[in-house]
Amino acid sequence: MRSATLMFLLSLLPLLSSPPVRAEQPGSTSIAAWRGDARCALSLTFDDNHPSRGEAAAILDGFGFTGTFFVIVGSVDARMERIYEDLAMRGHELGSHSLSHAHLLQASSEQVEYELGLSKARLEEMTGLACVSFASPYGEVNAVILETAARHYLSARGTTGGTNADGTFDMYNLGINIFPPGIGPYSEADYLSVLRQYVEYVDSVGGWGTEMFHNIGPENNLITVTAHTLSTHCEELASGALSDSIWVAPQGRAARYYLERMNTEAETDLVTSDTIVVRLNFDGDRRVFDEPLTVKTVIAVDWPQAAPEVFQDGKEYSCRLDMAGADRVAVYEALPGRGPVTIRRP
């Protein structure tokens, strides 16, 4: 009798140690950390005006990437203006690196306003696009610079080391990759090692990294990077060698996504046997915040094993079907604050 009781209790151990996974209710909705449900994000940024901008952009183009090029607006000649206009047409971002690359720590508040405000206005006139990103010359920051940047831009990149993880960073002093002391030159192996370690750390914390470059040149140092080194880095990013789940995007797009995600409330309006309606409540300026969010909505287990149809504001969005534990999840893109999202049984 005692033996039979012991055997019965032992048979219950798997049930006690492995509680059943509880499924979410159909219609439960969340927003992915980064676009495409990527685990982390990375922005490739380039400072100052230099004719090699076109060469750098061509390297990024070859891997399907777009970068951010910070422009010293007051010293753009006709040749550089044509280069920058072409980059903008190809999807690269033009950000402000001030009007004259002045030492802003030595400037009055009126001068800081002039440098940041006029450079933004001129870039918007040049491209016809909103200028939402800034990088302070020499990485200089103080309260006046930060407050002025916050009035004009969504984010500003600094020159201090660090990744940018939720709740642990300043949108107006974004951390970057840092090279060892000295100005170089660095061997390609050493230069790439710094970039690899940085991306791997960004991936490990699920954060947003910003990498700073300047010009394409004959050696790798704090100012120049060789075309081969930059190409190798992009190849490693594109192949998944550094992270198998990374979204490479310009600083402005990553900032838009982050701010939209942090300020959007997903609300389920309707759940029926064949339709789910979700709202992405967001109060931001639609003229600025236009980056689609990657949204995940749980669907009923009896829906077919095919991606649902997703519509918002009369437009159909692509959708895929994923599994998350015991849940079947529709993963799709939609714009926040643009009206209801309708998910239909296929």
C-alpha atoms as a PDB file:
ATOM      1  CA  MET A   1       0.000   0.000   0.000  1.00  0.00           C
ATOM      2  CA  ARG A   2       2.800   2.390   0.986  1.00  0.00           C
ATOM      3  CA  SER A   3       4.664   1.529  -2.266  1.00  0.00           C
ATOM      4  CA  ALA A   4       1.597   2.202  -4.414  1.00  0.00           C
ATOM      5  CA  THR A   5       1.075   5.574  -2.759  1.00  0.00           C
ATOM      6  CA  LEU A   6       4.724   6.512  -3.362  1.00  0.00           C
ATOM      7  CA  MET A   7       4.470   5.590  -7.022  1.00  0.00           C
ATOM      8  CA  PHE A   8       1.328   7.696  -7.401  1.00  0.00           C
ATOM      9  CA  LEU A   9       3.024  10.743  -5.835  1.00  0.00           C
ATOM     10  CA  LEU A  10       6.061  10.313  -8.071  1.00  0.00           C
ATOM     11  CA  SER A  11       3.811  10.255 -11.104  1.00  0.00           C
ATOM     12  CA  LEU A  12       2.577  13.756 -10.182  1.00  0.00           C
ATOM     13  CA  LEU A  13       6.046  15.330 -10.144  1.00  0.00           C
ATOM     14  CA  PRO A  14       6.141  16.245 -13.860  1.00  0.00           C
ATOM     15  CA  LEU A  15       2.830  18.066 -13.444  1.00  0.00           C
ATOM     16  CA  LEU A  16       4.012  19.881 -10.340  1.00  0.00           C
ATOM     17  CA  SER A  17       7.361  20.938 -11.834  1.00  0.00           C
ATOM     18  CA  SER A  18       5.979  21.955 -15.274  1.00  0.00           C
ATOM     19  CA  PRO A  19       2.877  24.115 -14.845  1.00  0.00           C
ATOM     20  CA  PRO A  20       0.814  24.509 -17.999  1.00  0.00           C
ATOM     21  CA  VAL A  21       1.527  27.543 -20.174  1.00  0.00           C
ATOM     22  CA  ARG A  22      -1.398  29.918 -20.015  1.00  0.00           C
ATOM     23  CA  ALA A  23      -2.424  31.355 -23.352  1.00  0.00           C
ATOM     24  CA  GLU A  24      -3.296  35.022 -23.787  1.00  0.00           C
ATOM     25  CA  GLN A  25      -6.818  35.957 -24.802  1.00  0.00           C
ATOM     26  CA  PRO A  26      -7.441  36.579 -28.530  1.00  0.00           C
ATOM     27  CA  GLY A  27      -7.010  40.286 -29.184  1.00  0.00           C
ATOM     28  CA  SER A  28      -4.214  40.744 -26.631  1.00  0.00           C
ATOM     29  CA  THR A  29      -1.811  43.144 -28.328  1.00  0.00           C
ATOM     30  CA  SER A  30       1.755  44.310 -27.708  1.00  0.00           C
ATOM     31  CA  ILE A  31       4.292  46.410 -29.609  1.00  0.00           C
ATOM     32  CA  ALA A  32       7.635  44.906 -30.578  1.00  0.00           C
ATOM     33  CA  ALA A  33      10.768  46.442 -29.089  1.00  0.00           C
ATOM     34  CA  TRP A  34      12.105  47.314 -32.540  1.00  0.00           C
ATOM     35  CA  ARG A  35      10.913  47.329 -36.141  1.00  0.00           C
ATOM     36  CA  GLY A  36      10.432  43.885 -37.640  1.00  0.00           C
ATOM     37  CA  ASP A  37      10.358  42.399 -34.111  1.00  0.00           C
ATOM     38  CA  ALA A  38      14.143  42.762 -34.003  1.00  0.00           C
ATOM     39  CA  ARG A  39      15.858  42.308 -30.658  1.00  0.00           C
ATOM     40  CA  CYS A  40      17.981  45.466 -31.013  1.00  0.00           C
ATOM     41  CA  ALA A  41      18.632  48.451 -33.283  1.00  0.00           C
ATOM     42  CA  LEU A  42      21.739  50.119 -34.714  1.00  0.00           C
ATOM     43  CA  SER A  43      22.290  53.465 -36.433  1.00  0.00           C
ATOM     44  CA  LEU A  44      25.330  54.128 -38.627  1.00  0.00           C
ATOM     45  CA  THR A  45      26.193  57.847 -38.452  1.00  0.00           C
ATOM     46  CA  PHE A  46      28.751  59.983 -40.317  1.00  0.00           C
ATOM     47  CA  ASP A  47      29.927  63.441 -39.193  1.00  0.00           C
ATOM     48  CA  ASP A  48      31.114  66.512 -41.134  1.00  0.00           C
ATOM     49  CA  ASN A  49      31.092  67.417 -44.825  1.00  0.00           C
ATOM     50  CA  HIS A  50      33.344  65.355 -47.063  1.00  0.00           C
ATOM     51  CA  PRO A  51      33.178  64.268 -50.720  1.00  0.00           C
ATOM     52  CA  SER A  52      33.436  60.621 -49.581  1.00  0.00           C
ATOM     53  CA  ARG A  53      29.825  60.837 -48.365  1.00  0.00           C
ATOM     54  CA  GLY A  54      28.697  59.340 -51.670  1.00  0.00           C
ATOM     55  CA  GLU A  55      31.150  56.454 -51.344  1.00  0.00           C
ATOM     56  CA  ALA A  56      30.045  55.691 -47.785  1.00  0.00           C
ATOM     57  CA  ALA A  57      26.381  55.762 -48.799  1.00  0.00           C
ATOM     58  CA  ALA A  58      27.083  53.441 -51.752  1.00  0.00           C
ATOM     59  CA  ILE A  59      28.619  50.889 -49.385  1.00  0.00           C
ATOM     60  CA  LEU A  60      25.544  51.022 -47.149  1.00  0.00           C
ATOM     61  CA  ASP A  61      23.266  50.807 -50.195  1.00  0.00           C
ATOM     62  CA  GLY A  62      24.976  47.585 -51.234  1.00  0.00           C
ATOM     63  CA  PHE A  63      23.747  45.879 -48.068  1.00  0.00           C
ATOM     64  CA  GLY A  64      20.283  47.444 -48.024  1.00  0.00           C
ATOM     65  CA  PHE A  65      21.169  49.868 -45.206  1.00  0.00           C
ATOM     66  CA  THR A  66      20.519  53.587 -44.852  1.00  0.00           C
ATOM     67  CA  GLY A  67      22.557  55.836 -42.580  1.00  0.00           C
ATOM     68  CA  THR A  68      22.522  59.270 -40.990  1.00  0.00           C
ATOM     69  CA  PHE A  69      24.855  61.944 -42.375  1.00  0.00           C
ATOM     70  CA  PHE A  70      25.377  64.910 -40.052  1.00  0.00           C
ATOM     71  CA  VAL A  71      25.860  68.054 -42.120  1.00  0.00           C
ATOM     72  CA  ILE A  72      27.757  71.238 -41.276  1.00  0.00           C
ATOM     73  CA  VAL A  73      25.097  73.236 -43.051  1.00  0.00           C
ATOM     74  CA  GLY A  74      26.847  76.598 -43.372  1.00  0.00           C
ATOM     75  CA  SER A  75      29.767  75.151 -45.364  1.00  0.00           C
ATOM     76  CA  VAL A  76      27.813  73.120 -47.935  1.00  0.00           C
ATOM     77  CA  ASP A  77      28.913  74.184 -51.417  1.00  0.00           C
ATOM     78  CA  ALA A  78      27.021  73.439 -54.643  1.00  0.00           C
ATOM     79  CA  ARG A  79      28.814  70.123 -55.162  1.00  0.00           C
ATOM     80  CA  MET A  80      28.108  68.867 -51.643  1.00  0.00           C
ATOM     81  CA  GLU A  81      24.502  70.044 -51.871  1.00  0.00           C
ATOM     82  CA  ARG A  82      24.000  67.831 -54.946  1.00  0.00           C
ATOM     83  CA  ILE A  83      25.556  64.883 -53.079  1.00  0.00           C
ATOM     84  CA  TYR A  84      23.346  65.432 -50.040  1.00  0.00           C
ATOM     85  CA  GLU A  85      20.194  65.831 -52.112  1.00  0.00           C
ATOM     86  CA  ASP A  86      21.001  62.538 -53.836  1.00  0.00           C
ATOM     87  CA  LEU A  87      21.550  60.789 -50.483  1.00  0.00           C
ATOM     88  CA  ALA A  88      18.191  62.016 -49.210  1.00  0.00           C
ATOM     89  CA  MET A  89      16.448  60.748 -52.346  1.00  0.00           C
ATOM     90  CA  ARG A  90      18.007  57.312 -51.722  1.00  0.00           C
ATOM     91  CA  GLY A  91      16.554  57.133 -48.219  1.00  0.00           C
ATOM     92  CA  HIS A  92      19.548  58.256 -46.168  1.00  0.00           C
ATOM     93  CA  GLU A  93      18.935  60.765 -43.398  1.00  0.00           C
ATOM     94  CA  LEU A  94      20.478  64.230 -43.248  1.00  0.00           C
ATOM     95  CA  GLY A  95      20.919  65.454 -39.696  1.00  0.00           C
ATOM     96  CA  SER A  96      22.290  68.714 -38.368  1.00  0.00           C
ATOM     97  CA  HIS A  97      25.887  69.046 -37.191  1.00  0.00           C
ATOM     98  CA  SER A  98      25.184  72.752 -36.552  1.00  0.00           C
ATOM     99  CA  LEU A  99      25.614  75.686 -38.905  1.00  0.00           C
ATOM    100  CA  SER A 100      29.355  76.281 -38.533  1.00  0.00           C
ATOM    101  CA  HIS A 101      30.764  73.470 -36.331  1.00  0.00           C
ATOM    102  CA  ALA A 102      31.319  76.038 -33.591  1.00  0.00           C
ATOM    103  CA  HIS A 103      32.395  75.249 -30.038  1.00  0.00           C
ATOM    104  CA  LEU A 104      28.919  75.517 -28.564  1.00  0.00           C
ATOM    105  CA  LEU A 105      30.197  75.409 -24.985  1.00  0.00           C
ATOM    106  CA  GLN A 106      31.671  78.865 -25.624  1.00  0.00           C
ATOM    107  CA  ALA A 107      28.505  80.195 -27.285  1.00  0.00           C
ATOM    108  CA  SER A 108      25.688  82.221 -25.766  1.00  0.00           C
ATOM    109  CA  SER A 109      22.195  80.751 -25.596  1.00  0.00           C
ATOM    110  CA  GLU A 110      21.247  82.985 -28.551  1.00  0.00           C
ATOM    111  CA  GLN A 111      24.155  81.660 -30.608  1.00  0.00           C
ATOM    112  CA  VAL A 112      23.254  78.053 -29.760  1.00  0.00           C
ATOM    113  CA  GLU A 113      19.680  78.705 -30.875  1.00  0.00           C
ATOM    114  CA  TYR A 114      20.980  80.232 -34.119  1.00  0.00           C
ATOM    115  CA  GLU A 115      23.322  77.305 -34.840  1.00  0.00           C
ATOM    116  CA  LEU A 116      20.724  74.599 -34.161  1.00  0.00           C
ATOM    117  CA  GLY A 117      17.596  76.319 -35.417  1.00  0.00           C
ATOM    118  CA  LEU A 118      18.907  77.734 -38.693  1.00  0.00           C
ATOM    119  CA  SER A 119      20.773  74.555 -39.634  1.00  0.00           C
ATOM    120  CA  LYS A 120      17.563  72.585 -39.186  1.00  0.00           C
ATOM    121  CA  ALA A 121      15.571  75.037 -41.303  1.00  0.00           C
ATOM    122  CA  ARG A 122      18.110  75.002 -44.126  1.00  0.00           C
ATOM    123  CA  LEU A 123      18.271  71.202 -44.228  1.00  0.00           C
ATOM    124  CA  GLU A 124      14.489  71.005 -44.389  1.00  0.00           C
ATOM    125  CA  GLU A 125      14.532  73.520 -47.237  1.00  0.00           C
ATOM    126  CA  MET A 126      17.201  71.487 -49.046  1.00  0.00           C
ATOM    127  CA  THR A 127      15.416  68.127 -48.802  1.00  0.00           C
ATOM    128  CA  GLY A 128      11.757  68.927 -48.210  1.00  0.00           C
ATOM    129  CA  LEU A 129      11.890  66.505 -45.269  1.00  0.00           C
ATOM    130  CA  ALA A 130      11.680  67.029 -41.526  1.00  0.00           C
ATOM    131  CA  CYS A 131      15.119  67.246 -39.903  1.00  0.00           C
ATOM    132  CA  VAL A 132      14.831  65.416 -36.577  1.00  0.00           C
ATOM    133  CA  SER A 133      18.418  64.441 -35.663  1.00  0.00           C
ATOM    134  CA  PHE A 134      21.358  66.432 -34.300  1.00  0.00           C
ATOM    135  CA  ALA A 135      24.981  65.741 -33.380  1.00  0.00           C
ATOM    136  CA  SER A 136      26.772  68.401 -31.376  1.00  0.00           C
ATOM    137  CA  PRO A 137      30.166  69.506 -32.763  1.00  0.00           C
ATOM    138  CA  TYR A 138      33.028  67.963 -30.798  1.00  0.00           C
ATOM    139  CA  GLY A 139      30.411  66.145 -28.733  1.00  0.00           C
ATOM    140  CA  GLU A 140      30.054  69.207 -26.530  1.00  0.00           C
ATOM    141  CA  VAL A 141      26.959  69.318 -24.312  1.00  0.00           C
ATOM    142  CA  ASN A 142      25.626  71.406 -21.476  1.00  0.00           C
ATOM    143  CA  ALA A 143      22.153  72.331 -20.238  1.00  0.00           C
ATOM    144  CA  VAL A 144      21.650  75.026 -22.876  1.00  0.00           C
ATOM    145  CA  ILE A 145      22.722  72.760 -25.756  1.00  0.00           C
ATOM    146  CA  LEU A 146      20.543  69.888 -24.532  1.00  0.00           C
ATOM    147  CA  GLU A 147      17.494  72.097 -23.971  1.00  0.00           C
ATOM    148  CA  THR A 148      17.870  73.726 -27.397  1.00  0.00           C
ATOM    149  CA  ALA A 149      18.309  70.368 -29.115  1.00  0.00           C
ATOM    150  CA  ALA A 150      15.169  69.096 -27.390  1.00  0.00           C
ATOM    151  CA  ARG A 151      13.147  72.017 -28.803  1.00  0.00           C
ATOM    152  CA  HIS A 152      14.213  71.332 -32.380  1.00  0.00           C
ATOM    153  CA  TYR A 153      14.984  67.605 -32.703  1.00  0.00           C
ATOM    154  CA  LEU A 154      13.771  64.169 -31.635  1.00  0.00           C
ATOM    155  CA  SER A 155      17.264  63.010 -30.643  1.00  0.00           C
ATOM    156  CA  ALA A 156      20.894  64.077 -30.499  1.00  0.00           C
ATOM    157  CA  ARG A 157      23.944  61.853 -30.695  1.00  0.00           C
ATOM    158  CA  GLY A 158      26.850  62.437 -28.351  1.00  0.00           C
ATOM    159  CA  THR A 159      30.429  61.167 -28.302  1.00  0.00           C
ATOM    160  CA  THR A 160      30.441  59.331 -24.978  1.00  0.00           C
ATOM    161  CA  GLY A 161      30.471  55.562 -24.902  1.00  0.00           C
ATOM    162  CA  GLY A 162      27.410  53.474 -24.285  1.00  0.00           C
ATOM    163  CA  THR A 163      24.388  51.731 -25.645  1.00  0.00           C
ATOM    164  CA  ASN A 164      20.879  53.108 -25.347  1.00  0.00           C
ATOM    165  CA  ALA A 165      18.528  50.758 -23.515  1.00  0.00           C
ATOM    166  CA  ASP A 166      14.977  51.493 -22.354  1.00  0.00           C
ATOM    167  CA  GLY A 167      14.897  53.927 -19.467  1.00  0.00           C
ATOM    168  CA  THR A 168      18.690  54.191 -19.139  1.00  0.00           C
ATOM    169  CA  PHE A 169      19.710  56.870 -21.618  1.00  0.00           C
ATOM    170  CA  ASP A 170      19.301  60.495 -22.620  1.00  0.00           C
ATOM    171  CA  MET A 171      17.648  60.981 -26.035  1.00  0.00           C
ATOM    172  CA  TYR A 172      19.773  64.113 -26.461  1.00  0.00           C
ATOM    173  CA  ASN A 173      23.140  62.549 -25.638  1.00  0.00           C
ATOM    174  CA  LEU A 174      22.994  59.135 -27.272  1.00  0.00           C
ATOM    175  CA  GLY A 175      25.957  56.866 -26.512  1.00  0.00           C
ATOM    176  CA  ILE A 176      28.283  55.518 -29.197  1.00  0.00           C
ATOM    177  CA  ASN A 177      31.021  52.966 -29.808  1.00  0.00           C
ATOM    178  CA  ILE A 178      34.344  54.025 -28.265  1.00  0.00           C
ATOM    179  CA  PHE A 179      37.805  53.174 -29.566  1.00  0.00           C
ATOM    180  CA  PRO A 180      40.899  52.670 -27.372  1.00  0.00           C
ATOM    181  CA  PRO A 181      42.814  55.793 -26.252  1.00  0.00           C
ATOM    182  CA  GLY A 182      44.737  57.549 -29.004  1.00  0.00           C
ATOM    183  CA  ILE A 183      43.821  58.532 -32.515  1.00  0.00           C
ATOM    184  CA  GLY A 184      45.171  55.439 -34.289  1.00  0.00           C
ATOM    185  CA  PRO A 185      45.799  54.239 -36.841  1.00  0.00           C
ATOM    186  CA  TYR A 186      44.205  50.932 -35.905  1.00  0.00           C
ATOM    187  CA  SER A 187      44.591  47.691 -37.775  1.00  0.00           C
ATOM    188  CA  GLU A 188      41.456  46.523 -39.530  1.00  0.00           C
ATOM    189  CA  ALA A 189      41.248  43.593 -37.115  1.00  0.00           C
ATOM    190  CA  ASP A 190      41.378  45.898 -34.066  1.00  0.00           C
ATOM    191  CA  TYR A 191      38.914  48.395 -35.548  1.00  0.00           C
ATOM    192  CA  LEU A 192      36.407  45.685 -36.446  1.00  0.00           C
ATOM    193  CA  SER A 193      36.850  44.073 -33.029  1.00  0.00           C
ATOM    194  CA  VAL A 194      35.657  47.283 -31.324  1.00  0.00           C
ATOM    195  CA  LEU A 195      32.595  47.449 -33.583  1.00  0.00           C
ATOM    196  CA  ARG A 196      31.808  43.764 -33.073  1.00  0.00           C
ATOM    197  CA  GLN A 197      31.994  44.026 -29.295  1.00  0.00           C
ATOM    198  CA  TYR A 198      29.762  47.077 -29.344  1.00  0.00           C
ATOM    199  CA  VAL A 199      27.073  45.444 -31.492  1.00  0.00           C
ATOM    200  CA  GLU A 200      27.184  42.265 -29.413  1.00  0.00           C
ATOM    201  CA  TYR A 201      26.650  44.324 -26.259  1.00  0.00           C
ATOM    202  CA  VAL A 202      23.781  46.275 -27.816  1.00  0.00           C
ATOM    203  CA  ASP A 203      22.218  42.946 -28.760  1.00  0.00           C
ATOM    204  CA  SER A 204      22.678  41.526 -25.265  1.00  0.00           C
ATOM    205  CA  VAL A 205      20.682  44.363 -23.650  1.00  0.00           C
ATOM    206  CA  GLY A 206      18.118  44.704 -26.438  1.00  0.00           C
ATOM    207  CA  GLY A 207      19.134  48.323 -26.890  1.00  0.00           C
ATOM    208  CA  TRP A 208      19.783  50.875 -29.616  1.00  0.00           C
ATOM    209  CA  GLY A 209      23.379  51.468 -30.632  1.00  0.00           C
ATOM    210  CA  THR A 210      24.784  54.450 -32.531  1.00  0.00           C
ATOM    211  CA  GLU A 211      28.094  54.083 -34.327  1.00  0.00           C
ATOM    212  CA  MET A 212      30.078  57.203 -35.262  1.00  0.00           C
ATOM    213  CA  PHE A 213      32.219  57.490 -38.379  1.00  0.00           C
ATOM    214  CA  HIS A 214      33.599  60.472 -40.259  1.00  0.00           C
ATOM    215  CA  ASN A 215      35.225  60.016 -43.665  1.00  0.00           C
ATOM    216  CA  ILE A 216      36.247  57.205 -45.982  1.00  0.00           C
ATOM    217  CA  GLY A 217      40.052  57.320 -46.075  1.00  0.00           C
ATOM    218  CA  PRO A 218      43.284  55.350 -46.440  1.00  0.00           C
ATOM    219  CA  GLU A 219      43.473  54.114 -42.825  1.00  0.00           C
ATOM    220  CA  ASN A 220      41.328  53.348 -39.789  1.00  0.00           C
ATOM    221  CA  ASN A 221      41.534  56.002 -37.097  1.00  0.00           C
ATOM    222  CA  LEU A 222      39.173  58.278 -35.161  1.00  0.00           C
ATOM    223  CA  ILE A 223      38.444  60.329 -38.298  1.00  0.00           C
ATOM    224  CA  THR A 224      38.675  57.947 -41.239  1.00  0.00           C
ATOM    225  CA  VAL A 225      37.612  54.389 -41.972  1.00  0.00           C
ATOM    226  CA  THR A 226      38.714  52.477 -45.036  1.00  0.00           C
ATOM    227  CA  ALA A 227      36.107  51.452 -47.579  1.00  0.00           C
ATOM    228  CA  HIS A 228      37.060  47.811 -47.064  1.00  0.00           C
ATOM    229  CA  THR A 229      36.632  48.016 -43.276  1.00  0.00           C
ATOM    230  CA  LEU A 230      33.235  49.700 -43.519  1.00  0.00           C
ATOM    231  CA  SER A 231      32.120  47.184 -46.133  1.00  0.00           C
ATOM    232  CA  THR A 232      33.268  44.265 -43.971  1.00  0.00           C
ATOM    233  CA  HIS A 233      31.362  45.647 -40.982  1.00  0.00           C
ATOM    234  CA  CYS A 234      28.203  46.049 -43.062  1.00  0.00           C
ATOM    235  CA  GLU A 235      28.608  42.529 -44.424  1.00  0.00           C
ATOM    236  CA  GLU A 236      28.836  41.127 -40.894  1.00  0.00           C
ATOM    237  CA  LEU A 237      25.719  43.069 -39.887  1.00  0.00           C
ATOM    238  CA  ALA A 238      23.777  41.926 -42.940  1.00  0.00           C
ATOM    239  CA  SER A 239      24.781  38.279 -42.566  1.00  0.00           C
ATOM    240  CA  GLY A 240      23.685  38.050 -38.919  1.00  0.00           C
ATOM    241  CA  ALA A 241      27.232  37.297 -37.769  1.00  0.00           C
ATOM    242  CA  LEU A 242      27.027  39.990 -35.057  1.00  0.00           C
ATOM    243  CA  SER A 243      23.335  39.660 -34.215  1.00  0.00           C
ATOM    244  CA  ASP A 244      20.673  37.406 -35.684  1.00  0.00           C
ATOM    245  CA  SER A 245      17.979  39.967 -34.816  1.00  0.00           C
ATOM    246  CA  ILE A 246      19.040  43.557 -35.505  1.00  0.00           C
ATOM    247  CA  TRP A 247      17.326  46.486 -37.214  1.00  0.00           C
ATOM    248  CA  VAL A 248      19.816  48.815 -38.933  1.00  0.00           C
ATOM    249  CA  ALA A 249      18.147  52.194 -39.421  1.00  0.00           C
ATOM    250  CA  PRO A 250      19.001  55.904 -39.500  1.00  0.00           C
ATOM    251  CA  GLN A 251      19.005  57.690 -36.164  1.00  0.00           C
ATOM    252  CA  GLY A 252      15.816  59.595 -36.959  1.00  0.00           C
ATOM    253  CA  ARG A 253      13.835  56.474 -37.799  1.00  0.00           C
ATOM    254  CA  ALA A 254      15.052  54.624 -34.703  1.00  0.00           C
ATOM    255  CA  ALA A 255      14.186  57.655 -32.546  1.00  0.00           C
ATOM    256  CA  ARG A 256      10.707  57.861 -34.074  1.00  0.00           C
ATOM    257  CA  TYR A 257      10.086  54.165 -33.457  1.00  0.00           C
ATOM    258  CA  TYR A 258      11.325  54.313 -29.867  1.00  0.00           C
ATOM    259  CA  LEU A 259       9.261  57.385 -28.979  1.00  0.00           C
ATOM    260  CA  GLU A 260       6.169  55.990 -30.685  1.00  0.00           C
ATOM    261  CA  ARG A 261       6.510  52.683 -28.864  1.00  0.00           C
ATOM    262  CA  MET A 262       7.023  54.306 -25.488  1.00  0.00           C
ATOM    263  CA  ASN A 263       4.005  56.591 -25.958  1.00  0.00           C
ATOM    264  CA  THR A 264       1.488  54.326 -27.742  1.00  0.00           C
ATOM    265  CA  GLU A 265      -1.267  52.474 -25.903  1.00  0.00           C
ATOM    266  CA  ALA A 266      -2.609  49.379 -27.668  1.00  0.00           C
ATOM    267  CA  GLU A 267      -6.317  48.900 -27.023  1.00  0.00           C
ATOM    268  CA  THR A 268      -8.546  46.065 -28.249  1.00  0.00           C
ATOM    269  CA  ASP A 269     -11.906  47.368 -29.513  1.00  0.00           C
ATOM    270  CA  LEU A 270     -13.570  44.221 -30.835  1.00  0.00           C
ATOM    271  CA  VAL A 271     -13.064  40.453 -30.877  1.00  0.00           C
ATOM    272  CA  THR A 272     -15.417  38.188 -32.849  1.00  0.00           C
ATOM    273  CA  SER A 273     -15.075  34.756 -34.415  1.00  0.00           C
ATOM    274  CA  ASP A 274     -13.569  36.244 -37.577  1.00  0.00           C
ATOM    275  CA  THR A 275     -12.437  39.804 -36.769  1.00  0.00           C
ATOM    276  CA  ILE A 276     -10.240  41.621 -34.260  1.00  0.00           C
ATOM    277  CA  VAL A 277     -10.093  45.415 -34.112  1.00  0.00           C
ATOM    278  CA  VAL A 278      -7.189  47.143 -32.346  1.00  0.00           C
ATOM    279  CA  ARG A 279      -6.433  50.815 -31.753  1.00  0.00           C
ATOM    280  CA  LEU A 280      -2.932  52.248 -31.360  1.00  0.00           C
ATOM    281  CA  ASN A 281      -3.626  55.386 -29.320  1.00  0.00           C
ATOM    282  CA  PHE A 282      -0.926  58.026 -29.839  1.00  0.00           C
ATOM    283  CA  ASP A 283      -1.044  61.821 -29.558  1.00  0.00           C
ATOM    284  CA  GLY A 284       2.182  62.738 -31.386  1.00  0.00           C
ATOM    285  CA  ASP A 285       2.450  65.003 -34.428  1.00  0.00           C
ATOM    286  CA  ARG A 286       1.573  62.870 -37.465  1.00  0.00           C
ATOM    287  CA  ARG A 287       3.768  65.034 -39.692  1.00  0.00           C
ATOM    288  CA  VAL A 288       6.804  63.897 -37.707  1.00  0.00           C
ATOM    289  CA  PHE A 289       5.861  60.502 -36.289  1.00  0.00           C
ATOM    290  CA  ASP A 290       5.340  58.358 -39.364  1.00  0.00           C
ATOM    291  CA  GLU A 291       7.414  55.241 -38.606  1.00  0.00           C
ATOM    292  CA  PRO A 292       5.272  52.079 -38.704  1.00  0.00           C
ATOM    293  CA  LEU A 293       5.279  50.063 -35.493  1.00  0.00           C
ATOM    294  CA  THR A 294       5.609  46.291 -35.492  1.00  0.00           C
ATOM    295  CA  VAL A 295       2.541  45.038 -33.637  1.00  0.00           C
ATOM    296  CA  LYS A 296       1.746  41.557 -32.273  1.00  0.00           C
ATOM    297  CA  THR A 297      -1.856  40.465 -31.706  1.00  0.00           C
ATOM    298  CA  VAL A 298      -2.952  37.080 -30.362  1.00  0.00           C
ATOM    299  CA  ILE A 299      -5.504  35.333 -32.600  1.00  0.00           C
ATOM    300  CA  ALA A 300      -7.873  32.430 -31.851  1.00  0.00           C
ATOM    301  CA  VAL A 301      -6.487  28.923 -32.070  1.00  0.00           C
ATOM    302  CA  ASP A 302      -9.278  27.868 -34.421  1.00  0.00           C
ATOM    303  CA  TRP A 303      -8.269  30.385 -37.111  1.00  0.00           C
ATOM    304  CA  PRO A 304      -6.634  28.752 -40.176  1.00  0.00           C
ATOM    305  CA  GLN A 305      -2.872  28.198 -40.312  1.00  0.00           C
ATOM    306  CA  ALA A 306      -2.414  31.197 -42.599  1.00  0.00           C
ATOM    307  CA  ALA A 307      -1.541  34.847 -42.057  1.00  0.00           C
ATOM    308  CA  PRO A 308      -4.609  37.009 -41.331  1.00  0.00           C
ATOM    309  CA  GLU A 309      -5.497  40.035 -43.438  1.00  0.00           C
ATOM    310  CA  VAL A 310      -4.639  43.378 -41.793  1.00  0.00           C
ATOM    311  CA  PHE A 311      -6.096  46.764 -42.779  1.00  0.00           C
ATOM    312  CA  GLN A 312      -5.689  50.297 -41.462  1.00  0.00           C
ATOM    313  CA  ASP A 313      -7.085  53.489 -42.972  1.00  0.00           C
ATOM    314  CA  GLY A 314      -8.025  51.683 -46.185  1.00  0.00           C
ATOM    315  CA  LYS A 315      -4.549  50.198 -46.691  1.00  0.00           C
ATOM    316  CA  GLU A 316      -3.656  46.507 -46.412  1.00  0.00           C
ATOM    317  CA  TYR A 317      -0.499  45.700 -44.458  1.00  0.00           C
ATOM    318  CA  SER A 318       1.617  42.577 -44.733  1.00  0.00           C
ATOM    319  CA  CYS A 319       1.269  40.085 -41.880  1.00  0.00           C
ATOM    320  CA  ARG A 320       2.917  36.883 -40.762  1.00  0.00           C
ATOM    321  CA  LEU A 321       1.862  34.200 -38.300  1.00  0.00           C
ATOM    322  CA  ASP A 322       4.159  33.372 -35.370  1.00  0.00           C
ATOM    323  CA  MET A 323       3.995  31.196 -32.276  1.00  0.00           C
ATOM    324  CA  ALA A 324       4.708  32.694 -28.855  1.00  0.00           C
ATOM    325  CA  GLY A 325       4.491  29.919 -26.273  1.00  0.00           C
ATOM    326  CA  ALA A 326       0.959  28.568 -26.501  1.00  0.00           C
ATOM    327  CA  ASP A 327      -0.266  31.574 -28.489  1.00  0.00           C
ATOM    328  CA  ARG A 328      -0.687  32.091 -32.203  1.00  0.00           C
ATOM    329  CA  VAL A 329       0.288  35.668 -32.967  1.00  0.00           C
ATOM    330  CA  ALA A 330      -0.330  37.890 -35.977  1.00  0.00           C
ATOM    331  CA  VAL A 331       2.752  40.092 -36.504  1.00  0.00           C
ATOM    332  CA  TYR A 332       2.141  43.142 -38.678  1.00  0.00           C
ATOM    333  CA  GLU A 333       2.998  46.801 -39.128  1.00  0.00           C
ATOM    334  CA  ALA A 334       0.686  49.742 -38.488  1.00  0.00           C
ATOM    335  CA  LEU A 335       0.951  53.450 -37.813  1.00  0.00           C
ATOM    336  CA  PRO A 336       0.130  54.792 -34.352  1.00  0.00           C
ATOM    337  CA  GLY A 337      -2.688  57.294 -34.008  1.00  0.00           C
ATOM    338  CA  ARG A 338      -4.060  56.609 -37.505  1.00  0.00           C
ATOM    339  CA  GLY A 339      -7.338  54.912 -36.683  1.00  0.00           C
ATOM    340  CA  PRO A 340      -8.385  51.309 -35.999  1.00  0.00           C
ATOM    341  CA  VAL A 341      -6.466  48.272 -37.235  1.00  0.00           C
ATOM    342  CA  THR A 342      -8.724  45.489 -38.499  1.00  0.00           C
ATOM    343  CA  ILE A 343      -7.425  41.897 -38.429  1.00  0.00           C
ATOM    344  CA  ARG A 344      -9.543  39.455 -40.401  1.00  0.00           C
ATOM    345  CA  ARG A 345      -9.651  35.692 -40.330  1.00  0.00           C
ATOM    346  CA  PRO A 346      -8.125  34.390 -43.599  1.00  0.00           C
END
